[in-house]
Every structure is written in C-alpha cells, then in structure tokens.
N, C-alpha and C. Protein backbone atom coordinates (compact mmCIF):
# COMPACT_ATOMS: atom_id res chain seq x y z
N MET A 1 0.83 -1.19 0.01
CA MET A 1 0.00 0.00 0.00
C MET A 1 0.86 1.26 -0.01
N LYS A 2 1.95 1.24 0.79
CA LYS A 2 2.79 2.44 0.93
C LYS A 2 3.46 2.82 -0.43
N ILE A 3 3.92 1.84 -1.20
CA ILE A 3 4.58 2.12 -2.45
C ILE A 3 3.62 2.84 -3.40
N PHE A 4 2.33 2.42 -3.41
CA PHE A 4 1.37 3.12 -4.27
C PHE A 4 1.15 4.54 -3.80
N LEU A 5 1.12 4.73 -2.51
CA LEU A 5 0.97 6.13 -1.99
C LEU A 5 2.11 6.99 -2.32
N ILE A 6 3.35 6.41 -2.29
CA ILE A 6 4.59 7.18 -2.67
C ILE A 6 4.54 7.53 -4.16
N ILE A 7 4.12 6.57 -5.00
CA ILE A 7 4.02 6.83 -6.43
C ILE A 7 2.97 7.86 -6.73
N LEU A 8 1.82 7.76 -6.06
CA LEU A 8 0.74 8.73 -6.23
C LEU A 8 1.17 10.11 -5.87
N LEU A 9 1.84 10.25 -4.72
CA LEU A 9 2.28 11.59 -4.24
C LEU A 9 3.44 12.11 -5.11
N ALA A 10 4.29 11.28 -5.60
CA ALA A 10 5.34 11.76 -6.56
C ALA A 10 4.67 12.25 -7.80
N GLY A 11 3.63 11.58 -8.28
CA GLY A 11 2.91 12.03 -9.45
C GLY A 11 2.19 13.33 -9.19
N ALA A 12 1.60 13.50 -8.01
CA ALA A 12 0.88 14.73 -7.63
C ALA A 12 1.90 15.86 -7.50
N THR A 13 3.08 15.59 -6.99
CA THR A 13 4.15 16.58 -6.90
C THR A 13 4.52 17.09 -8.29
N ALA A 14 4.70 16.12 -9.22
CA ALA A 14 5.09 16.51 -10.60
C ALA A 14 3.98 17.36 -11.23
N ALA A 15 2.72 16.94 -11.08
CA ALA A 15 1.59 17.66 -11.62
C ALA A 15 1.52 19.03 -11.09
N LEU A 16 1.61 19.20 -9.81
CA LEU A 16 1.47 20.56 -9.17
C LEU A 16 2.61 21.46 -9.63
N THR A 17 3.77 20.82 -9.91
CA THR A 17 4.92 21.59 -10.36
C THR A 17 4.70 22.08 -11.78
N ILE A 18 4.12 21.24 -12.65
CA ILE A 18 4.01 21.55 -14.03
C ILE A 18 2.78 22.43 -14.32
N VAL A 19 1.71 22.18 -13.60
CA VAL A 19 0.44 22.84 -14.01
C VAL A 19 0.53 24.37 -13.94
N VAL A 20 1.09 24.90 -12.91
CA VAL A 20 1.18 26.38 -12.78
C VAL A 20 2.65 26.72 -12.78
N ARG A 21 3.13 27.34 -13.84
CA ARG A 21 4.54 27.76 -14.02
C ARG A 21 4.56 29.24 -14.34
N ILE A 22 5.15 30.02 -13.45
CA ILE A 22 5.26 31.40 -13.64
C ILE A 22 6.70 31.73 -13.99
N PRO A 23 7.00 32.22 -15.23
CA PRO A 23 8.39 32.39 -15.67
C PRO A 23 9.08 33.43 -14.83
N ILE A 24 10.39 33.19 -14.57
CA ILE A 24 11.24 34.13 -13.89
C ILE A 24 12.05 34.89 -14.95
N PRO A 25 11.82 36.22 -15.06
CA PRO A 25 12.50 36.97 -16.10
C PRO A 25 14.01 36.84 -16.05
N GLY A 26 14.67 36.61 -17.19
CA GLY A 26 16.09 36.63 -17.29
C GLY A 26 16.84 35.39 -17.04
N THR A 27 16.15 34.37 -16.46
CA THR A 27 16.86 33.12 -16.09
C THR A 27 16.36 31.94 -16.86
N GLY A 28 15.10 31.97 -17.28
CA GLY A 28 14.51 30.78 -17.90
C GLY A 28 13.87 29.84 -16.88
N GLY A 29 14.07 30.14 -15.57
CA GLY A 29 13.45 29.34 -14.54
C GLY A 29 11.98 29.70 -14.41
N TYR A 30 11.38 29.08 -13.41
CA TYR A 30 9.91 29.38 -13.19
C TYR A 30 9.57 29.16 -11.72
N LEU A 31 8.57 29.91 -11.29
CA LEU A 31 7.96 29.72 -9.99
C LEU A 31 6.86 28.65 -10.16
N ASN A 32 6.67 27.84 -9.13
CA ASN A 32 5.60 26.83 -9.19
C ASN A 32 5.11 26.48 -7.80
N PHE A 33 4.08 25.67 -7.75
CA PHE A 33 3.47 25.33 -6.40
C PHE A 33 3.89 23.93 -5.99
N GLY A 34 4.88 23.32 -6.67
CA GLY A 34 5.30 21.97 -6.32
C GLY A 34 5.84 21.83 -4.89
N ASP A 35 6.38 22.92 -4.33
CA ASP A 35 6.90 22.85 -2.95
C ASP A 35 5.80 22.60 -1.94
N ILE A 36 4.59 22.96 -2.20
CA ILE A 36 3.46 22.58 -1.40
C ILE A 36 3.38 21.09 -1.23
N ALA A 37 3.48 20.40 -2.38
CA ALA A 37 3.43 18.95 -2.38
C ALA A 37 4.66 18.35 -1.73
N VAL A 38 5.83 18.91 -1.97
CA VAL A 38 7.05 18.38 -1.36
C VAL A 38 6.99 18.42 0.17
N ILE A 39 6.56 19.57 0.72
CA ILE A 39 6.43 19.72 2.14
C ILE A 39 5.35 18.72 2.66
N PHE A 40 4.23 18.65 1.96
CA PHE A 40 3.21 17.73 2.38
C PHE A 40 3.76 16.30 2.41
N CYS A 41 4.51 15.91 1.35
CA CYS A 41 5.06 14.58 1.32
C CYS A 41 5.94 14.26 2.53
N GLY A 42 6.77 15.26 2.86
CA GLY A 42 7.63 15.03 4.07
C GLY A 42 6.85 14.92 5.32
N LEU A 43 5.86 15.77 5.49
CA LEU A 43 5.04 15.72 6.72
C LEU A 43 4.23 14.47 6.78
N PHE A 44 3.66 14.05 5.69
CA PHE A 44 2.73 12.90 5.66
C PHE A 44 3.39 11.57 5.62
N LEU A 45 4.51 11.47 4.86
CA LEU A 45 5.15 10.21 4.69
C LEU A 45 6.35 10.03 5.59
N GLY A 46 6.85 11.05 6.20
CA GLY A 46 8.07 10.94 7.01
C GLY A 46 9.28 11.28 6.14
N LYS A 47 10.43 11.30 6.78
CA LYS A 47 11.63 11.79 6.12
C LYS A 47 12.11 10.95 4.96
N LYS A 48 12.16 9.65 5.10
CA LYS A 48 12.68 8.83 4.05
C LYS A 48 11.73 8.81 2.80
N TRP A 49 10.54 8.50 3.00
CA TRP A 49 9.56 8.36 1.89
C TRP A 49 9.11 9.72 1.34
N GLY A 50 9.09 10.75 2.27
CA GLY A 50 8.76 12.07 1.82
C GLY A 50 9.84 12.66 0.90
N ALA A 51 11.15 12.34 1.28
CA ALA A 51 12.22 12.78 0.42
C ALA A 51 12.15 12.08 -0.97
N LEU A 52 11.84 10.83 -0.92
CA LEU A 52 11.71 10.08 -2.17
C LEU A 52 10.59 10.62 -3.07
N ALA A 53 9.40 10.78 -2.51
CA ALA A 53 8.22 11.17 -3.32
C ALA A 53 8.41 12.63 -3.78
N GLY A 54 8.88 13.52 -2.88
CA GLY A 54 9.03 14.90 -3.22
C GLY A 54 10.15 15.11 -4.24
N GLY A 55 11.29 14.46 -4.03
CA GLY A 55 12.44 14.62 -4.87
C GLY A 55 12.19 14.04 -6.26
N VAL A 56 11.73 12.84 -6.32
CA VAL A 56 11.46 12.19 -7.59
C VAL A 56 10.35 12.91 -8.35
N GLY A 57 9.30 13.26 -7.71
CA GLY A 57 8.19 13.95 -8.36
C GLY A 57 8.65 15.27 -8.96
N SER A 58 9.44 16.01 -8.24
CA SER A 58 9.94 17.31 -8.72
C SER A 58 10.96 17.13 -9.88
N ALA A 59 11.80 16.13 -9.73
CA ALA A 59 12.79 15.89 -10.81
C ALA A 59 12.07 15.41 -12.08
N LEU A 60 11.03 14.64 -11.91
CA LEU A 60 10.21 14.19 -13.03
C LEU A 60 9.55 15.36 -13.73
N ALA A 61 9.13 16.34 -12.96
CA ALA A 61 8.51 17.53 -13.55
C ALA A 61 9.50 18.28 -14.42
N ASP A 62 10.81 18.36 -13.94
CA ASP A 62 11.85 18.96 -14.77
C ASP A 62 12.03 18.20 -16.09
N ILE A 63 12.05 16.89 -16.02
CA ILE A 63 12.24 16.12 -17.20
C ILE A 63 11.09 16.24 -18.16
N ILE A 64 9.84 16.15 -17.65
CA ILE A 64 8.71 16.30 -18.53
C ILE A 64 8.56 17.67 -19.08
N GLY A 65 8.91 18.67 -18.24
CA GLY A 65 8.76 20.10 -18.65
C GLY A 65 9.90 20.65 -19.46
N GLY A 66 10.89 19.83 -19.82
CA GLY A 66 11.93 20.29 -20.74
C GLY A 66 13.10 20.96 -19.98
N PHE A 67 13.20 20.77 -18.69
CA PHE A 67 14.30 21.34 -17.86
C PHE A 67 15.18 20.22 -17.38
N PHE A 68 15.40 19.17 -18.24
CA PHE A 68 16.09 17.98 -17.76
C PHE A 68 17.49 18.23 -17.20
N ILE A 69 18.13 19.32 -17.67
CA ILE A 69 19.47 19.60 -17.11
C ILE A 69 19.42 19.89 -15.61
N PHE A 70 18.24 20.34 -15.16
CA PHE A 70 18.11 20.66 -13.70
C PHE A 70 17.61 19.50 -12.85
N ALA A 71 17.19 18.39 -13.49
CA ALA A 71 16.64 17.24 -12.79
C ALA A 71 17.54 16.74 -11.59
N PRO A 72 18.83 16.52 -11.86
CA PRO A 72 19.67 16.07 -10.74
C PRO A 72 19.72 17.05 -9.50
N LEU A 73 19.86 18.37 -9.87
CA LEU A 73 19.84 19.40 -8.82
C LEU A 73 18.51 19.41 -8.12
N THR A 74 17.43 19.31 -8.86
CA THR A 74 16.03 19.35 -8.29
C THR A 74 15.91 18.11 -7.38
N LEU A 75 16.34 16.96 -7.86
CA LEU A 75 16.22 15.72 -7.03
C LEU A 75 16.86 15.97 -5.65
N VAL A 76 18.04 16.58 -5.60
CA VAL A 76 18.69 16.82 -4.34
C VAL A 76 18.03 17.88 -3.53
N ALA A 77 17.72 19.01 -4.17
CA ALA A 77 17.07 20.11 -3.50
C ALA A 77 15.76 19.79 -2.87
N LYS A 78 14.86 19.22 -3.71
CA LYS A 78 13.52 18.81 -3.24
C LYS A 78 13.50 17.61 -2.37
N GLY A 79 14.47 16.70 -2.57
CA GLY A 79 14.60 15.61 -1.72
C GLY A 79 14.99 16.02 -0.30
N LEU A 80 15.95 16.90 -0.21
CA LEU A 80 16.32 17.47 1.12
C LEU A 80 15.20 18.21 1.78
N GLU A 81 14.42 18.96 0.99
CA GLU A 81 13.27 19.65 1.53
C GLU A 81 12.29 18.74 2.12
N GLY A 82 11.97 17.63 1.37
CA GLY A 82 11.01 16.66 1.89
C GLY A 82 11.55 15.97 3.14
N PHE A 83 12.86 15.64 3.06
CA PHE A 83 13.51 14.95 4.23
C PHE A 83 13.45 15.81 5.50
N ILE A 84 13.78 17.08 5.36
CA ILE A 84 13.75 17.92 6.56
C ILE A 84 12.32 18.15 7.06
N ALA A 85 11.36 18.29 6.16
CA ALA A 85 10.01 18.35 6.61
C ALA A 85 9.57 17.10 7.33
N GLY A 86 10.04 15.94 6.85
CA GLY A 86 9.73 14.66 7.50
C GLY A 86 10.41 14.61 8.85
N VAL A 87 11.62 15.08 9.02
CA VAL A 87 12.31 15.04 10.31
C VAL A 87 11.56 15.96 11.25
N ILE A 88 11.12 17.14 10.83
CA ILE A 88 10.24 17.99 11.69
C ILE A 88 9.04 17.32 12.13
N SER A 89 8.33 16.65 11.22
CA SER A 89 7.13 15.95 11.51
C SER A 89 7.32 14.80 12.44
N GLU A 90 8.38 14.09 12.28
CA GLU A 90 8.61 12.87 13.17
C GLU A 90 9.01 13.39 14.55
N ARG A 91 9.78 14.43 14.63
CA ARG A 91 10.19 14.95 15.96
C ARG A 91 8.88 15.51 16.66
N ARG A 92 8.06 16.17 15.91
CA ARG A 92 6.88 16.80 16.53
C ARG A 92 5.86 15.77 17.00
N ARG A 93 5.83 14.62 16.37
CA ARG A 93 4.90 13.57 16.78
C ARG A 93 5.20 13.08 18.16
N GLY A 94 6.45 13.00 18.54
CA GLY A 94 6.86 12.52 19.84
C GLY A 94 6.69 13.50 20.98
N GLU A 95 6.44 14.75 20.63
CA GLU A 95 6.35 15.82 21.65
C GLU A 95 4.94 16.36 21.64
N LYS A 96 4.65 17.18 22.62
CA LYS A 96 3.39 17.93 22.54
C LYS A 96 3.71 19.09 21.66
N SER A 97 3.50 18.91 20.37
CA SER A 97 3.80 20.03 19.46
C SER A 97 2.63 20.93 19.29
N THR A 98 2.94 22.10 18.85
CA THR A 98 1.99 23.07 18.55
C THR A 98 2.07 23.40 17.08
N THR A 99 0.95 23.87 16.56
CA THR A 99 0.98 24.29 15.16
C THR A 99 2.01 25.38 14.92
N THR A 100 2.11 26.28 15.91
CA THR A 100 3.04 27.41 15.75
C THR A 100 4.51 26.92 15.65
N SER A 101 4.85 25.96 16.54
CA SER A 101 6.24 25.49 16.49
C SER A 101 6.61 24.76 15.20
N THR A 102 5.68 24.00 14.66
CA THR A 102 5.85 23.30 13.39
C THR A 102 5.97 24.32 12.32
N MET A 103 5.10 25.33 12.25
CA MET A 103 5.11 26.35 11.26
C MET A 103 6.41 27.20 11.30
N LEU A 104 6.93 27.39 12.53
CA LEU A 104 8.19 28.07 12.58
C LEU A 104 9.42 27.32 12.07
N LEU A 105 9.35 25.96 12.19
CA LEU A 105 10.47 25.12 11.76
C LEU A 105 10.37 24.76 10.30
N LEU A 106 9.19 24.67 9.73
CA LEU A 106 9.07 24.20 8.31
C LEU A 106 9.81 25.08 7.29
N PRO A 107 9.91 26.43 7.46
CA PRO A 107 10.69 27.19 6.47
C PRO A 107 12.16 26.72 6.39
N LEU A 108 12.65 26.07 7.41
CA LEU A 108 14.01 25.51 7.34
C LEU A 108 14.10 24.53 6.16
N ALA A 109 13.12 23.72 6.00
CA ALA A 109 13.09 22.77 4.91
C ALA A 109 13.09 23.46 3.55
N SER A 110 12.23 24.48 3.42
CA SER A 110 12.15 25.21 2.18
C SER A 110 13.42 26.04 1.88
N PHE A 111 13.99 26.62 2.91
CA PHE A 111 15.19 27.42 2.66
C PHE A 111 16.42 26.57 2.41
N THR A 112 16.35 25.33 2.85
CA THR A 112 17.42 24.37 2.43
C THR A 112 17.32 24.11 0.93
N MET A 113 16.14 23.98 0.43
CA MET A 113 15.95 23.86 -1.01
C MET A 113 16.53 25.07 -1.78
N LEU A 114 16.21 26.21 -1.25
CA LEU A 114 16.70 27.51 -1.83
C LEU A 114 18.22 27.50 -1.85
N ALA A 115 18.84 27.13 -0.72
CA ALA A 115 20.28 27.13 -0.66
C ALA A 115 20.93 26.12 -1.61
N VAL A 116 20.39 24.98 -1.80
CA VAL A 116 20.88 23.99 -2.77
C VAL A 116 20.79 24.51 -4.20
N TYR A 117 19.60 25.06 -4.53
CA TYR A 117 19.49 25.66 -5.86
C TYR A 117 20.53 26.78 -6.05
N PHE A 118 20.70 27.64 -5.08
CA PHE A 118 21.62 28.77 -5.23
C PHE A 118 23.02 28.25 -5.52
N ILE A 119 23.49 27.34 -4.70
CA ILE A 119 24.84 26.79 -4.87
C ILE A 119 24.95 26.05 -6.20
N GLY A 120 23.95 25.29 -6.53
CA GLY A 120 23.99 24.55 -7.79
C GLY A 120 24.06 25.47 -9.00
N GLU A 121 23.26 26.52 -8.95
CA GLU A 121 23.16 27.49 -10.10
C GLU A 121 24.45 28.23 -10.27
N LEU A 122 25.22 28.38 -9.21
CA LEU A 122 26.54 29.02 -9.31
C LEU A 122 27.45 28.27 -10.26
N PHE A 123 27.26 26.94 -10.34
CA PHE A 123 28.18 26.15 -11.15
C PHE A 123 27.54 25.58 -12.43
N TYR A 124 26.26 25.80 -12.69
CA TYR A 124 25.61 25.37 -13.86
C TYR A 124 26.17 26.24 -15.06
N PRO A 125 26.41 25.61 -16.21
CA PRO A 125 26.82 26.35 -17.39
C PRO A 125 25.85 27.44 -17.80
N GLY A 126 26.39 28.62 -18.00
CA GLY A 126 25.50 29.71 -18.47
C GLY A 126 24.75 30.41 -17.38
N MET A 127 24.94 30.04 -16.11
CA MET A 127 24.18 30.67 -15.04
C MET A 127 25.11 31.54 -14.21
N GLY A 128 25.76 31.04 -13.19
CA GLY A 128 26.69 31.79 -12.38
C GLY A 128 26.00 32.65 -11.35
N LEU A 129 26.81 33.51 -10.71
CA LEU A 129 26.34 34.28 -9.57
C LEU A 129 25.19 35.19 -9.93
N GLY A 130 25.20 35.89 -11.06
CA GLY A 130 24.13 36.77 -11.44
C GLY A 130 22.84 36.13 -11.55
N ALA A 131 22.75 34.97 -12.24
CA ALA A 131 21.55 34.24 -12.44
C ALA A 131 21.02 33.67 -11.09
N ALA A 132 21.97 33.13 -10.34
CA ALA A 132 21.58 32.55 -9.01
C ALA A 132 20.95 33.61 -8.13
N LEU A 133 21.61 34.78 -8.07
CA LEU A 133 21.12 35.86 -7.24
C LEU A 133 19.74 36.38 -7.73
N SER A 134 19.53 36.46 -9.06
CA SER A 134 18.25 36.92 -9.58
C SER A 134 17.12 35.98 -9.28
N GLU A 135 17.40 34.75 -9.02
CA GLU A 135 16.31 33.81 -8.71
C GLU A 135 15.98 33.76 -7.25
N VAL A 136 16.82 34.32 -6.36
CA VAL A 136 16.62 34.23 -4.96
C VAL A 136 15.25 34.84 -4.50
N PRO A 137 14.87 36.03 -4.90
CA PRO A 137 13.55 36.54 -4.46
C PRO A 137 12.37 35.62 -4.87
N PHE A 138 12.41 35.07 -6.04
CA PHE A 138 11.37 34.18 -6.49
C PHE A 138 11.42 32.91 -5.70
N ASN A 139 12.59 32.39 -5.48
CA ASN A 139 12.72 31.11 -4.67
C ASN A 139 12.26 31.30 -3.19
N VAL A 140 12.46 32.54 -2.69
CA VAL A 140 11.98 32.81 -1.32
C VAL A 140 10.43 32.78 -1.31
N ILE A 141 9.83 33.36 -2.28
CA ILE A 141 8.35 33.38 -2.39
C ILE A 141 7.87 31.92 -2.45
N GLN A 142 8.50 31.13 -3.34
CA GLN A 142 8.14 29.74 -3.53
C GLN A 142 8.36 28.94 -2.25
N ALA A 143 9.44 29.22 -1.54
CA ALA A 143 9.74 28.50 -0.29
C ALA A 143 8.68 28.75 0.79
N VAL A 144 8.35 30.06 0.95
CA VAL A 144 7.38 30.39 1.97
C VAL A 144 5.96 29.87 1.66
N VAL A 145 5.56 30.03 0.43
CA VAL A 145 4.25 29.42 0.03
C VAL A 145 4.22 27.93 0.15
N GLY A 146 5.38 27.30 -0.22
CA GLY A 146 5.48 25.83 -0.06
C GLY A 146 5.38 25.39 1.35
N ALA A 147 6.09 26.03 2.27
CA ALA A 147 6.12 25.63 3.64
C ALA A 147 4.69 25.78 4.30
N PHE A 148 4.10 26.92 4.11
CA PHE A 148 2.81 27.14 4.76
C PHE A 148 1.68 26.46 4.04
N GLY A 149 1.73 26.42 2.69
CA GLY A 149 0.74 25.74 1.91
C GLY A 149 0.78 24.23 2.19
N GLY A 150 2.02 23.65 2.22
CA GLY A 150 2.10 22.23 2.44
C GLY A 150 1.65 21.84 3.83
N PHE A 151 1.95 22.73 4.80
CA PHE A 151 1.46 22.44 6.19
C PHE A 151 -0.08 22.51 6.24
N GLY A 152 -0.68 23.48 5.54
CA GLY A 152 -2.13 23.60 5.53
C GLY A 152 -2.78 22.38 4.89
N VAL A 153 -2.23 21.93 3.80
CA VAL A 153 -2.77 20.67 3.14
C VAL A 153 -2.62 19.49 4.09
N TYR A 154 -1.45 19.40 4.72
CA TYR A 154 -1.23 18.30 5.67
C TYR A 154 -2.30 18.27 6.82
N ILE A 155 -2.59 19.47 7.39
CA ILE A 155 -3.54 19.56 8.48
C ILE A 155 -4.92 19.10 7.98
N ALA A 156 -5.32 19.60 6.79
CA ALA A 156 -6.61 19.27 6.20
C ALA A 156 -6.74 17.78 5.96
N VAL A 157 -5.67 17.17 5.39
CA VAL A 157 -5.71 15.73 5.10
C VAL A 157 -5.78 14.91 6.35
N LYS A 158 -4.96 15.28 7.37
CA LYS A 158 -4.97 14.53 8.65
C LYS A 158 -6.39 14.63 9.32
N LYS A 159 -7.02 15.77 9.20
CA LYS A 159 -8.37 15.88 9.79
C LYS A 159 -9.33 15.06 9.02
N ALA A 160 -9.16 14.86 7.70
CA ALA A 160 -10.11 14.13 6.86
C ALA A 160 -9.95 12.65 7.03
N LEU A 161 -8.78 12.15 7.40
CA LEU A 161 -8.47 10.75 7.49
C LEU A 161 -9.09 10.18 8.83
N PRO A 162 -9.50 8.90 8.77
CA PRO A 162 -9.90 8.24 10.03
C PRO A 162 -8.74 8.23 10.99
N LYS A 163 -9.04 8.36 12.23
CA LYS A 163 -7.96 8.47 13.25
C LYS A 163 -7.05 7.25 13.34
N LYS A 164 -7.50 6.06 13.01
CA LYS A 164 -6.61 4.87 13.13
C LYS A 164 -5.63 4.76 11.95
N GLU A 165 -5.88 5.46 10.89
CA GLU A 165 -4.94 5.41 9.70
C GLU A 165 -3.73 6.32 9.92
N ASN A 166 -2.59 5.80 9.71
CA ASN A 166 -1.31 6.59 9.72
C ASN A 166 -0.44 6.11 8.62
N PHE A 167 -0.60 6.68 7.44
CA PHE A 167 0.12 6.23 6.30
C PHE A 167 1.63 6.56 6.34
N GLY A 168 1.99 7.55 7.14
CA GLY A 168 3.33 8.01 7.13
C GLY A 168 4.32 7.15 7.97
N GLU A 169 3.75 6.25 8.71
CA GLU A 169 4.68 5.40 9.55
C GLU A 169 4.68 3.98 9.12
C-alpha cells in the first residue's frame, strides 16, 4: 500500500509543479506550487519516503517540462526539502507539538531547497552568480508558500482521515 501512496504523491508533486509555471525573467526558470506537495510529502510520509516522493516527483517535472538539465539538482534540493519536513514531522509527533512550533520550523526545509538551488546554479553552465542571485527573491516566495501551503494541506488531510490510519509510519 505504501509504495502506491509514494508513487501517487510523486505524481501529484510532478503535476502541481508543471500545471502552474510562472516564468522568472532573465533566467529561464519558473515559480511553481510543487513545494506545497514536497512539504506535504515530508510531513505525511516521513523523512525517508517524503524525500523520495518529493524529490522524484519534482525531478520528473523537470524532465517532462523540458528542464532535464536541472533534474539532478532538483532531485537533491527537493529531496532534502522533503527529508527535513519529515524530520520536523517525526520529531513533533513525539512531543506535545503546537501548530506554531511546526510552522516556525518548516521554512528551514524550504530554505534548504533554496540554498541547494543557489549553490547549484553558481556552477551550472551559463548561469553563475548573477543568475543565481536573480532567482533568490522568487525562490523565497516559492519557499514560503510551499512551507505554509504544504502544512495547511497536511492539516486538512490529517483531519479528513480516520484516526486509526497513519500512512506516514
């Protein structure tokens, strides 16, 4: 059952990344809502499976969308984002967590994605420091929307599921 859920969420991540693409002027990159799915994957599936579903789904979106040169970087960036969201989720399950504490920690996952992209773009052919810097404001927007949007979807899904089901463990 879990493998089907991972495949389904990787596909949903790819779809959410591809469906809405807002071009970033001057770099050829784009803003998307895929980070909402990546954060959700980490929170819902845990660190290992959330990293897999979020990373593979996002890299698949790059391949399908014609940005295949970025697929390896995306796999690492989004995989780490999902992994860190999963670590936050797993740590919070063991404690009396509050929504506020989780919301304060989740941007760490998204800003890790931002840092990986920034460092990667420094070394990509034809990009360099100028292109990496010009994408930072857009990636910050995407990171914040992804962290809080993913958390909101997670809360809604958890409330909708029967109490005895826990797919992430």
